Structures are given as C-alpha cells and as structure tokens.
C-alpha cells in the first residue's frame, strides 16, 4: 500500500508542477498584455480619444493578474507540501 500511496503523491506532484509552469507562463503573458493595454491608453490619450473603456480594461487585467499570482502562490504551496509527502513516503 505504501508504494501505491507514494505513486499517488508523486503523480499529484507532477500534475501540480505542470500547473505551476502553466500559471507562470500565463502570468508573464498577462503582464505583457497589460503593458500593451497601458501603452494603448497612453496613445489614445495623446491622440485626444476617450480612454475610459481602455483604462477600465487595463484595470481589470491588473486585478486578474493579481488573482492569478495569488493562485500561483497556492499552487507553489501545494507543490512544497507534495514534495514533503513524496520525500517522506
């Protein structure tokens, strides 16, 4: 039974590590999108256009990224926990 338990922990660890990598890639791409949106806001403002919706989108992107970073932290904590389980089993 201990072997099966170890395999289960190890599989969960592999899965969580993959999720962590994906979260990090998604967050990096999200920050790039946010910077692009912020650049667009500046361009619109300089050109004399209404920037309300563009600013609202930038704000929503930033809020989403903050939540993604919190989620990444939870995944990293889960990875650390699973590493301990795999090591100790």
C-alpha atoms as a PDB file:
ATOM      1  CA  UNK A   1       0.000   0.000   0.000  1.00  0.00           C
ATOM      2  CA  UNK A   2       2.853   2.396   0.745  1.00  0.00           C
ATOM      3  CA  UNK A   3       4.067   2.061  -2.838  1.00  0.00           C
ATOM      4  CA  UNK A   4       0.659   2.982  -4.208  1.00  0.00           C
ATOM      5  CA  UNK A   5       0.428   5.930  -1.829  1.00  0.00           C
ATOM      6  CA  UNK A   6       3.873   7.140  -2.900  1.00  0.00           C
ATOM      7  CA  UNK A   7       2.873   6.817  -6.566  1.00  0.00           C
ATOM      8  CA  UNK A   8      -0.294   8.825  -5.882  1.00  0.00           C
ATOM      9  CA  UNK A   9       1.666  11.617  -4.165  1.00  0.00           C
ATOM     10  CA  UNK A  10       4.227  11.562  -6.976  1.00  0.00           C
ATOM     11  CA  UNK A  11       1.509  11.820  -9.648  1.00  0.00           C
ATOM     12  CA  UNK A  12      -0.151  14.712  -7.817  1.00  0.00           C
ATOM     13  CA  UNK A  13       3.244  16.417  -7.564  1.00  0.00           C
ATOM     14  CA  UNK A  14       3.861  16.043 -11.315  1.00  0.00           C
ATOM     15  CA  UNK A  15       0.419  17.461 -12.022  1.00  0.00           C
ATOM     16  CA  UNK A  16       0.842  20.438  -9.682  1.00  0.00           C
ATOM     17  CA  UNK A  17       4.287  21.218 -11.078  1.00  0.00           C
ATOM     18  CA  UNK A  18       2.802  21.316 -14.578  1.00  0.00           C
ATOM     19  CA  UNK A  19       0.066  23.653 -13.323  1.00  0.00           C
ATOM     20  CA  UNK A  20       2.713  25.866 -11.732  1.00  0.00           C
ATOM     21  CA  UNK A  21       4.641  26.132 -15.005  1.00  0.00           C
ATOM     22  CA  UNK A  22       1.429  26.982 -16.863  1.00  0.00           C
ATOM     23  CA  UNK A  23       0.496  29.583 -14.247  1.00  0.00           C
ATOM     24  CA  UNK A  24       3.899  31.239 -14.569  1.00  0.00           C
ATOM     25  CA  UNK A  25       3.656  31.366 -18.375  1.00  0.00           C
ATOM     26  CA  UNK A  26       0.088  32.705 -18.229  1.00  0.00           C
ATOM     27  CA  UNK A  27       1.077  35.386 -15.723  1.00  0.00           C
ATOM     28  CA  UNK A  28       4.056  36.527 -17.793  1.00  0.00           C
ATOM     29  CA  UNK A  29       1.887  36.719 -20.910  1.00  0.00           C
ATOM     30  CA  UNK A  30      -0.773  38.564 -18.912  1.00  0.00           C
ATOM     31  CA  UNK A  31       1.725  41.200 -17.801  1.00  0.00           C
ATOM     32  CA  UNK A  32       2.732  41.666 -21.437  1.00  0.00           C
ATOM     33  CA  UNK A  33      -0.917  42.171 -22.392  1.00  0.00           C
ATOM     34  CA  UNK A  34      -1.350  44.659 -19.563  1.00  0.00           C
ATOM     35  CA  UNK A  35       1.699  46.661 -20.674  1.00  0.00           C
ATOM     36  CA  UNK A  36       0.325  46.669 -24.214  1.00  0.00           C
ATOM     37  CA  UNK A  37      -3.040  47.915 -22.964  1.00  0.00           C
ATOM     38  CA  UNK A  38      -1.359  50.617 -20.893  1.00  0.00           C
ATOM     39  CA  UNK A  39       0.580  51.716 -23.984  1.00  0.00           C
ATOM     40  CA  UNK A  40      -2.694  51.868 -25.890  1.00  0.00           C
ATOM     41  CA  UNK A  41      -4.241  54.050 -23.157  1.00  0.00           C
ATOM     42  CA  UNK A  42      -1.329  56.476 -23.471  1.00  0.00           C
ATOM     43  CA  UNK A  43      -1.616  56.555 -27.252  1.00  0.00           C
ATOM     44  CA  UNK A  44      -5.389  57.152 -27.091  1.00  0.00           C
ATOM     45  CA  UNK A  45      -4.920  59.914 -24.521  1.00  0.00           C
ATOM     46  CA  UNK A  46      -2.250  61.667 -26.620  1.00  0.00           C
ATOM     47  CA  UNK A  47      -4.490  61.412 -29.674  1.00  0.00           C
ATOM     48  CA  UNK A  48      -7.330  63.061 -27.760  1.00  0.00           C
ATOM     49  CA  UNK A  49      -9.584  59.985 -27.635  1.00  0.00           C
ATOM     50  CA  UNK A  50     -11.788  58.846 -24.775  1.00  0.00           C
ATOM     51  CA  UNK A  51      -9.799  56.362 -22.685  1.00  0.00           C
ATOM     52  CA  UNK A  52     -12.452  55.275 -20.182  1.00  0.00           C
ATOM     53  CA  UNK A  53     -13.031  51.797 -21.609  1.00  0.00           C
ATOM     54  CA  UNK A  54      -9.344  51.211 -22.324  1.00  0.00           C
ATOM     55  CA  UNK A  55      -8.475  52.225 -18.753  1.00  0.00           C
ATOM     56  CA  UNK A  56     -11.245  50.012 -17.391  1.00  0.00           C
ATOM     57  CA  UNK A  57      -9.853  47.051 -19.337  1.00  0.00           C
ATOM     58  CA  UNK A  58      -6.329  47.771 -18.054  1.00  0.00           C
ATOM     59  CA  UNK A  59      -7.661  47.847 -14.500  1.00  0.00           C
ATOM     60  CA  UNK A  60      -9.497  44.558 -14.970  1.00  0.00           C
ATOM     61  CA  UNK A  61      -6.397  42.958 -16.473  1.00  0.00           C
ATOM     62  CA  UNK A  62      -4.342  44.065 -13.480  1.00  0.00           C
ATOM     63  CA  UNK A  63      -6.911  42.756 -10.986  1.00  0.00           C
ATOM     64  CA  UNK A  64      -6.995  39.439 -12.832  1.00  0.00           C
ATOM     65  CA  UNK A  65      -3.210  39.186 -12.775  1.00  0.00           C
ATOM     66  CA  UNK A  66      -3.157  39.816  -9.034  1.00  0.00           C
ATOM     67  CA  UNK A  67      -5.602  36.935  -8.580  1.00  0.00           C
ATOM     68  CA  UNK A  68      -3.542  34.710 -10.863  1.00  0.00           C
ATOM     69  CA  UNK A  69      -0.457  35.484  -8.769  1.00  0.00           C
ATOM     70  CA  UNK A  70      -2.336  34.533  -5.606  1.00  0.00           C
ATOM     71  CA  UNK A  71      -3.384  31.308  -7.266  1.00  0.00           C
ATOM     72  CA  UNK A  72       0.215  30.650  -8.337  1.00  0.00           C
ATOM     73  CA  UNK A  73       1.246  31.045  -4.686  1.00  0.00           C
ATOM     74  CA  UNK A  74      -1.318  28.428  -3.661  1.00  0.00           C
ATOM     75  CA  UNK A  75      -0.040  26.051  -6.329  1.00  0.00           C
ATOM     76  CA  UNK A  76       3.549  26.602  -5.156  1.00  0.00           C
ATOM     77  CA  UNK A  77       2.480  25.857  -1.580  1.00  0.00           C
ATOM     78  CA  UNK A  78       0.770  22.664  -2.750  1.00  0.00           C
ATOM     79  CA  UNK A  79       3.931  21.659  -4.642  1.00  0.00           C
ATOM     80  CA  UNK A  80       6.021  22.174  -1.487  1.00  0.00           C
ATOM     81  CA  UNK A  81       3.569  20.079   0.544  1.00  0.00           C
ATOM     82  CA  UNK A  82       3.571  17.281  -2.034  1.00  0.00           C
ATOM     83  CA  UNK A  83       7.370  17.317  -2.219  1.00  0.00           C
ATOM     84  CA  UNK A  84       7.380  16.654   1.512  1.00  0.00           C
ATOM     85  CA  UNK A  85       4.891  13.819   1.117  1.00  0.00           C
ATOM     86  CA  UNK A  86       6.874  12.201  -1.694  1.00  0.00           C
ATOM     87  CA  UNK A  87      10.113  12.509   0.254  1.00  0.00           C
ATOM     88  CA  UNK A  88       8.668  11.093   3.450  1.00  0.00           C
ATOM     89  CA  UNK A  89       6.706   8.205   1.909  1.00  0.00           C
END
